[in-house]
C-alpha atoms as a PDB file:
ATOM      1  CA  UNK A   1     -14.905   6.480  87.054  1.00  0.00           C
ATOM      2  CA  UNK A   2     -17.395   7.976  89.770  1.00  0.00           C
ATOM      3  CA  UNK A   3     -20.995   7.980  88.721  1.00  0.00           C
ATOM      4  CA  UNK A   4     -21.811  11.362  87.021  1.00  0.00           C
ATOM      5  CA  UNK A   5     -18.550  12.284  86.138  1.00  0.00           C
ATOM      6  CA  UNK A   6     -17.279  12.634  82.671  1.00  0.00           C
ATOM      7  CA  UNK A   7     -13.855  12.251  80.659  1.00  0.00           C
ATOM      8  CA  UNK A   8     -12.970  14.211  77.753  1.00  0.00           C
ATOM      9  CA  UNK A   9     -10.035  13.447  75.496  1.00  0.00           C
ATOM     10  CA  UNK A  10      -7.665  16.320  74.641  1.00  0.00           C
ATOM     11  CA  UNK A  11      -7.703  17.729  71.386  1.00  0.00           C
ATOM     12  CA  UNK A  12      -5.008  16.979  68.923  1.00  0.00           C
ATOM     13  CA  UNK A  13      -1.798  18.735  69.537  1.00  0.00           C
ATOM     14  CA  UNK A  14      -1.772  21.054  66.277  1.00  0.00           C
ATOM     15  CA  UNK A  15      -5.300  22.271  67.274  1.00  0.00           C
ATOM     16  CA  UNK A  16      -6.158  24.781  70.020  1.00  0.00           C
ATOM     17  CA  UNK A  17      -6.066  23.448  73.195  1.00  0.00           C
ATOM     18  CA  UNK A  18      -9.305  25.546  74.427  1.00  0.00           C
ATOM     19  CA  UNK A  19     -11.569  24.902  72.047  1.00  0.00           C
ATOM     20  CA  UNK A  20     -10.569  21.930  69.654  1.00  0.00           C
ATOM     21  CA  UNK A  21     -10.228  23.741  66.459  1.00  0.00           C
ATOM     22  CA  UNK A  22      -7.871  25.539  64.281  1.00  0.00           C
ATOM     23  CA  UNK A  23      -7.548  29.108  64.516  1.00  0.00           C
ATOM     24  CA  UNK A  24      -5.155  31.891  64.409  1.00  0.00           C
ATOM     25  CA  UNK A  25      -4.606  32.362  68.657  1.00  0.00           C
ATOM     26  CA  UNK A  26      -5.640  35.857  67.423  1.00  0.00           C
ATOM     27  CA  UNK A  27      -9.128  35.109  66.862  1.00  0.00           C
ATOM     28  CA  UNK A  28     -11.955  33.790  69.102  1.00  0.00           C
ATOM     29  CA  UNK A  29     -12.505  30.809  69.849  1.00  0.00           C
ATOM     30  CA  UNK A  30     -14.866  28.395  68.304  1.00  0.00           C
ATOM     31  CA  UNK A  31     -18.105  28.713  70.726  1.00  0.00           C
ATOM     32  CA  UNK A  32     -19.835  26.072  68.490  1.00  0.00           C
ATOM     33  CA  UNK A  33     -17.187  23.425  68.755  1.00  0.00           C
ATOM     34  CA  UNK A  34     -18.605  20.897  70.394  1.00  0.00           C
ATOM     35  CA  UNK A  35     -15.306  20.003  72.500  1.00  0.00           C
ATOM     36  CA  UNK A  36     -15.501  23.913  73.749  1.00  0.00           C
ATOM     37  CA  UNK A  37     -18.924  23.587  74.803  1.00  0.00           C
ATOM     38  CA  UNK A  38     -18.333  20.453  76.924  1.00  0.00           C
ATOM     39  CA  UNK A  39     -15.190  21.237  77.922  1.00  0.00           C
ATOM     40  CA  UNK A  40     -16.256  24.773  79.321  1.00  0.00           C
ATOM     41  CA  UNK A  41     -19.236  23.525  80.488  1.00  0.00           C
ATOM     42  CA  UNK A  42     -17.581  20.975  82.641  1.00  0.00           C
ATOM     43  CA  UNK A  43     -15.077  23.818  83.830  1.00  0.00           C
ATOM     44  CA  UNK A  44     -17.798  26.219  84.333  1.00  0.00           C
ATOM     45  CA  UNK A  45     -21.221  24.734  85.119  1.00  0.00           C
ATOM     46  CA  UNK A  46     -22.412  26.496  82.344  1.00  0.00           C
ATOM     47  CA  UNK A  47     -22.623  26.644  78.529  1.00  0.00           C
ATOM     48  CA  UNK A  48     -19.978  29.264  76.891  1.00  0.00           C
ATOM     49  CA  UNK A  49     -21.171  32.323  74.732  1.00  0.00           C
ATOM     50  CA  UNK A  50     -19.119  34.104  71.861  1.00  0.00           C
ATOM     51  CA  UNK A  51     -18.198  36.969  74.474  1.00  0.00           C
ATOM     52  CA  UNK A  52     -16.537  33.888  76.410  1.00  0.00           C
ATOM     53  CA  UNK A  53     -14.778  32.681  73.264  1.00  0.00           C
ATOM     54  CA  UNK A  54     -13.877  36.608  72.540  1.00  0.00           C
ATOM     55  CA  UNK A  55     -12.655  37.165  76.081  1.00  0.00           C
ATOM     56  CA  UNK A  56      -8.589  36.840  74.901  1.00  0.00           C
ATOM     57  CA  UNK A  57      -9.086  38.893  71.799  1.00  0.00           C
ATOM     58  CA  UNK A  58      -8.400  42.526  71.198  1.00  0.00           C
ATOM     59  CA  UNK A  59     -11.112  44.941  71.749  1.00  0.00           C
ATOM     60  CA  UNK A  60     -10.973  45.818  67.918  1.00  0.00           C
ATOM     61  CA  UNK A  61     -11.395  42.141  67.253  1.00  0.00           C
ATOM     62  CA  UNK A  62     -14.456  41.536  69.754  1.00  0.00           C
ATOM     63  CA  UNK A  63     -16.365  44.265  68.025  1.00  0.00           C
ATOM     64  CA  UNK A  64     -15.512  43.050  64.570  1.00  0.00           C
ATOM     65  CA  UNK A  65     -16.868  39.554  65.791  1.00  0.00           C
ATOM     66  CA  UNK A  66     -19.510  40.431  67.314  1.00  0.00           C
ATOM     67  CA  UNK A  67     -20.757  43.018  64.731  1.00  0.00           C
ATOM     68  CA  UNK A  68     -20.445  39.974  61.992  1.00  0.00           C
ATOM     69  CA  UNK A  69     -22.269  37.780  64.121  1.00  0.00           C
ATOM     70  CA  UNK A  70     -25.146  40.185  64.816  1.00  0.00           C
ATOM     71  CA  UNK A  71     -25.610  40.868  61.145  1.00  0.00           C
ATOM     72  CA  UNK A  72     -25.931  36.838  61.045  1.00  0.00           C
ATOM     73  CA  UNK A  73     -28.640  37.146  63.545  1.00  0.00           C
ATOM     74  CA  UNK A  74     -26.998  36.248  66.706  1.00  0.00           C
ATOM     75  CA  UNK A  75     -27.761  38.186  69.748  1.00  0.00           C
ATOM     76  CA  UNK A  76     -24.355  38.148  71.321  1.00  0.00           C
ATOM     77  CA  UNK A  77     -25.256  40.529  74.119  1.00  0.00           C
ATOM     78  CA  UNK A  78     -27.892  37.936  75.029  1.00  0.00           C
ATOM     79  CA  UNK A  79     -25.679  34.691  75.008  1.00  0.00           C
ATOM     80  CA  UNK A  80     -26.789  33.526  71.798  1.00  0.00           C
ATOM     81  CA  UNK A  81     -24.012  31.144  69.965  1.00  0.00           C
ATOM     82  CA  UNK A  82     -26.202  30.422  66.957  1.00  0.00           C
ATOM     83  CA  UNK A  83     -28.676  32.375  65.377  1.00  0.00           C
ATOM     84  CA  UNK A  84     -32.511  31.834  66.012  1.00  0.00           C
ATOM     85  CA  UNK A  85     -34.032  28.895  63.516  1.00  0.00           C
ATOM     86  CA  UNK A  86     -35.787  30.225  60.427  1.00  0.00           C
ATOM     87  CA  UNK A  87     -39.724  30.235  60.812  1.00  0.00           C
ATOM     88  CA  UNK A  88     -39.267  29.622  64.724  1.00  0.00           C
ATOM     89  CA  UNK A  89     -40.410  32.410  66.943  1.00  0.00           C
ATOM     90  CA  UNK A  90     -39.248  32.388  70.123  1.00  0.00           C
ATOM     91  CA  UNK A  91     -41.035  33.364  73.503  1.00  0.00           C
ATOM     92  CA  UNK A  92     -39.643  34.554  76.684  1.00  0.00           C
END
């Protein structure tokens, strides 16, 4: 293996082969999954967002997940995967 390269073993056969999580195919991929984050970074040169994870979903599913994530403090439009930690102020 050349310097600066990385190998990633695939998920178990019974898991989603995109994100490595156990979810219904109609549901978003798990944007918090370490496998998904590493595999996406290797393929696209950037980390995944919930928008990426929901790309294959219906519009209704994307809307429901976006609302649920936003209600939990995740700025989906800004590309956040997790809500900001409590007690921390984010300065741009």
